[in-house]
Amino acid sequence: MLVGAETGDDAAVYRLNDDTALIVTVDFFPPITDDPYEFGAIAAANSLSDVYAMGGKPLIALNVVGFPASLDKEILGKTLQGGYAKAAEAECLIVGGHTVDDPEPKYGLSVIGVVEPGKQVSNANANPGDVLVLSKPIGTGIITTAGKQSVADAKALAAAVETMAALNRPAAQAMTKVGVNAATDITGFGLLGHLKSMVKGSGVAAEVNLSAVPVLPGVRELLERGVAPGGTHRNVSSVNDVVNWGEALTDEDRMLLCDAQTSGGLLMSVPAERVHALVAALQDEGAQCAAIVGRITEGPAGTIVATP
């Protein structure tokens, strides 16, 4: 076992031989859009992201489905089609799966990927002096919650769907090409929640600059109206013990940095001398963004300083 559950990493990595290690992960959740095809694509991209976060290539996957027997089966079919199309884009074969009768629809994938042993990227090797780079904007939790409440702007919702359905393959290709010390994908625990795991597992500290963090359009306006998912509120509470919040940061700023993401980008900890190469590689590979959002420091291990 090269990577287990000790540091709350994105997937397990198991060495088969000197040339091949397996990456194993599973993720699924209820619908976050009204369109079942979009939901399937987003759920699949989210599941595949764990393999990309480890620096690997997805190979095969199994559908994981909960679906009410009373619902029109065409909805399930479109969901599976969305997942299949996204997996095909990732050159990953869906080879089966399992379905259970469930009062609330749920969908995702159990994914098997591969990586060369020793080249896996974990969340626990960040070093002081590293620079933190993010490959997707944040705010999807706030926008999708607004969508459920029918208060989301159509353009903002479309932008959120686009970013959630985008594979993290470009970011994974860039970071494996350049070489990073650590990485994680930003999902349900939010930017600071996943960074908390990284600094704790690495025995380091970090600083994050809010003004440098890319944000989806319409998010701040929704926050000012009090729109945010319950998971985002819980995330703020879960990091308060390790985050030193800058005095100028508002409650809305804290919510944004802790917003519960779905299929978010990769947060990469890269040596300072390689950061420009990583930014260039992300741009060349077609990642949604290549934002320098902070740095790793020698402060008290497991702590984060958040600045405006």
Protein backbone atom coordinates (compact mmCIF):
# COMPACT_ATOMS: atom_id res chain seq x y z
CA MET A 1 0.00 0.00 0.00
CA LEU A 2 1.68 3.21 -1.18
CA VAL A 3 -1.12 5.58 -0.15
CA GLY A 4 -3.78 4.61 2.37
CA ALA A 5 -6.32 6.39 4.52
CA GLU A 6 -3.90 7.93 7.00
CA THR A 7 -3.90 11.48 5.57
CA GLY A 8 -7.41 11.56 4.10
CA ASP A 9 -6.00 11.45 0.57
CA ASP A 10 -8.15 11.42 -2.58
CA ALA A 11 -7.64 7.72 -3.40
CA ALA A 12 -5.76 4.61 -2.34
CA VAL A 13 -2.65 3.56 -4.27
CA TYR A 14 -1.58 -0.11 -4.25
CA ARG A 15 1.64 -1.32 -5.90
CA LEU A 16 1.24 -4.40 -8.10
CA ASN A 17 4.86 -4.56 -9.28
CA ASP A 18 7.79 -2.27 -10.05
CA ASP A 19 6.01 -0.77 -13.06
CA THR A 20 2.35 -0.50 -12.06
CA ALA A 21 0.30 0.67 -9.10
CA LEU A 22 -3.48 0.74 -8.92
CA ILE A 23 -5.41 3.86 -7.89
CA VAL A 24 -8.77 2.98 -6.29
CA THR A 25 -11.58 5.40 -5.46
CA VAL A 26 -15.38 5.77 -5.28
CA ASP A 27 -17.71 8.77 -5.09
CA PHE A 28 -21.43 9.41 -5.66
CA PHE A 29 -24.06 11.97 -4.66
CA PRO A 30 -27.64 13.19 -5.30
CA PRO A 31 -28.55 15.37 -8.32
CA ILE A 32 -27.26 18.93 -8.31
CA THR A 33 -28.88 19.96 -11.61
CA ASP A 34 -32.35 19.35 -13.07
CA ASP A 35 -30.88 17.86 -16.27
CA PRO A 36 -30.14 14.14 -15.72
CA TYR A 37 -27.52 14.01 -18.50
CA GLU A 38 -25.65 16.95 -16.96
CA PHE A 39 -25.90 15.32 -13.55
CA GLY A 40 -24.39 12.09 -14.89
CA ALA A 41 -21.53 13.91 -16.57
CA ILE A 42 -20.73 15.99 -13.47
CA ALA A 43 -20.87 12.97 -11.16
CA ALA A 44 -18.54 11.01 -13.43
CA ALA A 45 -16.08 13.91 -13.75
CA ASN A 46 -16.10 14.24 -9.96
CA SER A 47 -15.31 10.55 -9.46
CA LEU A 48 -12.57 10.52 -12.10
CA SER A 49 -11.00 13.56 -10.47
CA ASP A 50 -9.64 11.51 -7.57
CA VAL A 51 -7.47 9.52 -9.98
CA TYR A 52 -6.22 12.70 -11.66
CA ALA A 53 -5.40 14.19 -8.26
CA MET A 54 -3.03 11.28 -7.64
CA GLY A 55 -1.27 11.88 -10.96
CA GLY A 56 -2.79 8.77 -12.54
CA LYS A 57 -4.76 7.68 -15.58
CA PRO A 58 -8.30 6.26 -15.19
CA LEU A 59 -8.73 2.81 -16.75
CA ILE A 60 -12.08 1.26 -15.83
CA ALA A 61 -15.08 2.21 -13.72
CA LEU A 62 -18.30 0.78 -12.30
CA ASN A 63 -21.56 2.70 -12.02
CA VAL A 64 -22.86 3.22 -8.47
CA VAL A 65 -26.59 4.03 -8.62
CA GLY A 66 -29.44 4.68 -6.23
CA PHE A 67 -32.75 5.25 -8.03
CA PRO A 68 -36.43 5.29 -6.99
CA ALA A 69 -38.32 2.43 -8.63
CA SER A 70 -41.27 4.82 -9.07
CA LEU A 71 -39.37 7.28 -11.29
CA ASP A 72 -39.32 7.20 -15.08
CA LYS A 73 -36.46 4.94 -16.16
CA GLU A 74 -35.65 7.37 -18.96
CA ILE A 75 -34.22 9.69 -16.28
CA LEU A 76 -31.87 6.92 -15.17
CA GLY A 77 -30.93 6.22 -18.78
CA LYS A 78 -29.98 9.83 -19.43
CA THR A 79 -27.97 9.96 -16.21
CA LEU A 80 -26.00 6.89 -17.23
CA GLN A 81 -25.50 8.30 -20.72
CA GLY A 82 -24.01 11.47 -19.26
CA GLY A 83 -21.65 9.43 -17.10
CA TYR A 84 -20.68 7.16 -19.99
CA ALA A 85 -19.92 10.12 -22.27
CA LYS A 86 -17.71 11.77 -19.65
CA ALA A 87 -15.88 8.52 -18.93
CA ALA A 88 -15.37 8.02 -22.68
CA GLU A 89 -13.87 11.52 -22.88
CA ALA A 90 -11.43 10.40 -20.17
CA GLU A 91 -10.72 7.18 -22.14
CA CYS A 92 -12.06 5.19 -19.20
CA LEU A 93 -14.29 2.16 -19.78
CA ILE A 94 -17.46 1.75 -17.72
CA VAL A 95 -17.70 -2.04 -17.42
CA GLY A 96 -20.79 -2.53 -15.25
CA GLY A 97 -22.10 -1.42 -11.89
CA HIS A 98 -24.82 -1.88 -9.33
CA THR A 99 -28.23 -0.27 -8.81
CA VAL A 100 -30.41 -0.19 -5.70
CA ASP A 101 -33.93 1.13 -5.10
CA ASP A 102 -33.43 4.42 -3.26
CA PRO A 103 -35.96 7.16 -2.38
CA GLU A 104 -33.44 9.77 -3.58
CA PRO A 105 -31.50 9.37 -6.86
CA LYS A 106 -27.74 9.07 -6.49
CA TYR A 107 -25.02 8.44 -9.04
CA GLY A 108 -21.26 8.17 -9.25
CA LEU A 109 -18.43 5.83 -10.16
CA SER A 110 -16.01 3.46 -8.55
CA VAL A 111 -12.85 4.05 -10.56
CA ILE A 112 -9.63 2.09 -11.06
CA GLY A 113 -6.64 3.98 -12.43
CA VAL A 114 -2.93 3.33 -12.85
CA VAL A 115 0.27 5.17 -12.02
CA GLU A 116 3.92 4.22 -11.99
CA PRO A 117 4.99 3.45 -8.40
CA GLY A 118 6.88 6.39 -6.95
CA LYS A 119 5.25 8.84 -9.34
CA GLN A 120 1.94 9.02 -7.47
CA VAL A 121 1.09 12.46 -6.10
CA SER A 122 -0.28 12.52 -2.56
CA ASN A 123 -1.63 15.33 -0.41
CA ALA A 124 1.07 14.84 2.23
CA ASN A 125 4.36 15.98 0.67
CA ALA A 126 4.02 19.77 0.57
CA ASN A 127 7.22 21.62 1.58
CA PRO A 128 7.81 25.11 2.99
CA GLY A 129 8.50 27.49 0.13
CA ASP A 130 6.10 25.70 -2.23
CA VAL A 131 3.56 27.76 -4.13
CA LEU A 132 -0.14 26.80 -4.21
CA VAL A 133 -1.77 26.75 -7.66
CA LEU A 134 -5.49 26.14 -8.36
CA SER A 135 -6.87 24.88 -11.68
CA LYS A 136 -10.60 25.74 -11.44
CA PRO A 137 -12.63 28.62 -9.99
CA ILE A 138 -14.66 28.04 -6.82
CA GLY A 139 -18.28 28.76 -5.91
CA THR A 140 -20.17 25.79 -7.35
CA GLY A 141 -21.79 24.90 -4.02
CA ILE A 142 -23.30 28.37 -3.67
CA ILE A 143 -24.53 28.50 -7.27
CA THR A 144 -26.09 25.02 -7.27
CA THR A 145 -27.82 25.80 -3.99
CA ALA A 146 -29.21 28.94 -5.61
CA GLY A 147 -30.38 26.77 -8.50
CA LYS A 148 -32.30 24.52 -6.12
CA GLN A 149 -33.90 27.63 -4.63
CA SER A 150 -34.71 28.95 -8.14
CA VAL A 151 -32.75 32.15 -7.52
CA ALA A 152 -29.69 31.43 -9.68
CA ASP A 153 -28.92 33.50 -12.75
CA ALA A 154 -29.04 31.29 -15.85
CA LYS A 155 -25.56 32.36 -17.00
CA ALA A 156 -24.07 31.74 -13.57
CA LEU A 157 -25.65 28.30 -13.39
CA ALA A 158 -24.40 27.44 -16.88
CA ALA A 159 -20.87 28.51 -15.92
CA ALA A 160 -21.01 26.32 -12.81
CA VAL A 161 -22.22 23.31 -14.80
CA GLU A 162 -19.43 23.83 -17.33
CA THR A 163 -16.70 23.93 -14.68
CA MET A 164 -18.10 20.94 -12.75
CA ALA A 165 -18.36 18.81 -15.90
CA ALA A 166 -14.80 19.64 -17.00
CA LEU A 167 -12.29 16.85 -16.45
CA ASN A 168 -9.21 17.51 -14.35
CA ARG A 169 -7.12 15.67 -16.95
CA PRO A 170 -5.44 18.89 -18.22
CA ALA A 171 -4.33 19.79 -14.70
CA ALA A 172 -3.10 16.24 -14.04
CA GLN A 173 -1.12 16.20 -17.27
CA ALA A 174 0.43 19.56 -16.44
CA MET A 175 1.45 18.64 -12.91
CA THR A 176 2.95 15.29 -13.91
CA LYS A 177 4.87 16.99 -16.72
CA VAL A 178 6.32 19.69 -14.46
CA GLY A 179 6.50 17.80 -11.15
CA VAL A 180 4.73 18.91 -7.97
CA ASN A 181 5.22 17.95 -4.34
CA ALA A 182 1.56 17.47 -3.40
CA ALA A 183 -1.95 17.82 -4.78
CA THR A 184 -5.60 17.33 -3.91
CA ASP A 185 -8.87 17.97 -5.68
CA ILE A 186 -11.25 20.51 -4.17
CA THR A 187 -14.62 18.93 -3.44
CA GLY A 188 -17.01 18.75 -0.49
CA PHE A 189 -14.73 20.17 2.22
CA GLY A 190 -14.02 23.34 0.25
CA LEU A 191 -10.71 25.00 -0.57
CA LEU A 192 -9.62 25.48 3.04
CA GLY A 193 -10.93 22.10 4.17
CA HIS A 194 -8.84 20.23 1.61
CA LEU A 195 -5.84 22.49 2.25
CA LYS A 196 -6.24 21.67 5.95
CA SER A 197 -5.74 17.97 5.13
CA MET A 198 -2.70 18.82 3.00
CA VAL A 199 -0.91 20.88 5.64
CA LYS A 200 -1.79 18.44 8.41
CA GLY A 201 -0.55 15.45 6.43
CA SER A 202 2.60 17.30 5.35
CA GLY A 203 3.43 18.76 8.76
CA VAL A 204 3.53 22.31 7.37
CA ALA A 205 1.47 25.51 7.37
CA ALA A 206 -0.01 27.59 4.56
CA GLU A 207 -1.16 31.05 3.56
CA VAL A 208 -4.06 31.70 1.16
CA ASN A 209 -4.82 35.04 -0.47
CA LEU A 210 -8.54 35.46 -1.12
CA SER A 211 -8.03 38.13 -3.78
CA ALA A 212 -6.00 35.63 -5.83
CA VAL A 213 -8.62 32.86 -5.70
CA PRO A 214 -10.68 32.60 -8.93
CA VAL A 215 -14.44 32.78 -8.30
CA LEU A 216 -17.33 31.91 -10.59
CA PRO A 217 -19.52 34.82 -11.74
CA GLY A 218 -22.50 35.67 -9.55
CA VAL A 219 -21.20 33.93 -6.44
CA ARG A 220 -20.52 37.01 -4.33
CA GLU A 221 -23.95 38.46 -5.08
CA LEU A 222 -25.56 35.22 -3.93
CA LEU A 223 -23.52 35.22 -0.73
CA GLU A 224 -24.68 38.75 0.01
CA ARG A 225 -28.25 37.44 -0.28
CA GLY A 226 -27.49 34.71 2.25
CA VAL A 227 -27.36 31.81 -0.22
CA ALA A 228 -24.99 28.99 0.76
CA PRO A 229 -25.34 25.22 1.24
CA GLY A 230 -25.40 23.65 4.67
CA GLY A 231 -22.11 21.90 3.87
CA THR A 232 -20.41 25.25 3.43
CA HIS A 233 -21.56 26.43 6.87
CA ARG A 234 -20.26 23.18 8.38
CA ASN A 235 -16.95 23.59 6.56
CA VAL A 236 -16.38 27.01 8.16
CA SER A 237 -16.92 25.50 11.60
CA SER A 238 -14.61 22.57 10.82
CA VAL A 239 -11.61 24.78 9.93
CA ASN A 240 -12.02 27.54 12.52
CA ASP A 241 -9.63 25.74 14.87
CA VAL A 242 -6.74 25.87 12.39
CA VAL A 243 -7.39 29.04 10.34
CA ASN A 244 -6.14 32.48 11.36
CA TRP A 245 -8.67 34.70 9.59
CA GLY A 246 -7.45 38.12 8.47
CA GLU A 247 -9.30 40.93 10.24
CA ALA A 248 -10.55 42.36 6.94
CA LEU A 249 -12.21 39.11 5.91
CA THR A 250 -16.01 39.14 6.17
CA ASP A 251 -18.31 36.25 7.02
CA GLU A 252 -19.07 36.01 3.29
CA ASP A 253 -15.33 35.74 2.54
CA ARG A 254 -15.03 32.86 4.99
CA MET A 255 -17.99 31.12 3.41
CA LEU A 256 -16.47 31.49 -0.03
CA LEU A 257 -13.13 29.99 0.98
CA CYS A 258 -14.98 27.07 2.57
CA ASP A 259 -17.68 26.60 -0.08
CA ALA A 260 -18.47 22.92 -0.61
CA GLN A 261 -17.44 22.22 -4.19
CA THR A 262 -18.55 19.53 -6.60
CA SER A 263 -15.93 18.38 -9.10
CA GLY A 264 -13.62 21.27 -8.27
CA GLY A 265 -10.11 21.82 -9.55
CA LEU A 266 -6.74 20.51 -8.43
CA LEU A 267 -4.86 22.39 -5.72
CA MET A 268 -1.15 21.77 -6.34
CA SER A 269 1.84 22.47 -4.10
CA VAL A 270 4.78 23.11 -6.42
CA PRO A 271 8.38 24.16 -5.69
CA ALA A 272 8.75 27.90 -6.26
CA GLU A 273 11.32 27.43 -9.02
CA ARG A 274 8.78 25.43 -11.05
CA VAL A 275 5.67 27.53 -10.54
CA HIS A 276 5.98 29.46 -13.80
CA ALA A 277 6.51 26.22 -15.69
CA LEU A 278 3.39 24.79 -14.04
CA VAL A 279 1.29 27.84 -14.89
CA ALA A 280 2.47 27.66 -18.50
CA ALA A 281 1.77 23.91 -18.67
CA LEU A 282 -1.74 24.37 -17.25
CA GLN A 283 -2.44 27.00 -19.88
CA ASP A 284 -1.01 24.82 -22.65
CA GLU A 285 -3.05 21.79 -21.57
CA GLY A 286 -6.27 23.81 -21.45
CA ALA A 287 -6.98 23.92 -17.72
CA GLN A 288 -9.74 26.35 -16.76
CA CYS A 289 -7.31 28.51 -14.82
CA ALA A 290 -3.82 28.53 -13.37
CA ALA A 291 -4.16 30.74 -10.31
CA ILE A 292 -1.39 31.24 -7.76
CA VAL A 293 -3.47 31.39 -4.57
CA GLY A 294 -0.96 31.05 -1.74
CA ARG A 295 2.12 29.32 -0.41
CA ILE A 296 3.34 26.68 2.01
CA THR A 297 5.16 28.03 5.09
CA GLU A 298 7.05 26.86 8.17
CA GLY A 299 4.36 28.10 10.56
CA PRO A 300 2.71 25.86 13.16
CA ALA A 301 2.03 22.52 11.47
CA GLY A 302 -1.51 22.06 10.23
CA THR A 303 -2.45 25.75 10.37
CA ILE A 304 -3.59 28.20 7.66
CA VAL A 305 -3.46 31.98 7.45
CA ALA A 306 -6.22 33.46 5.27
CA THR A 307 -5.67 37.01 4.02
CA PRO A 308 -7.86 39.37 1.93
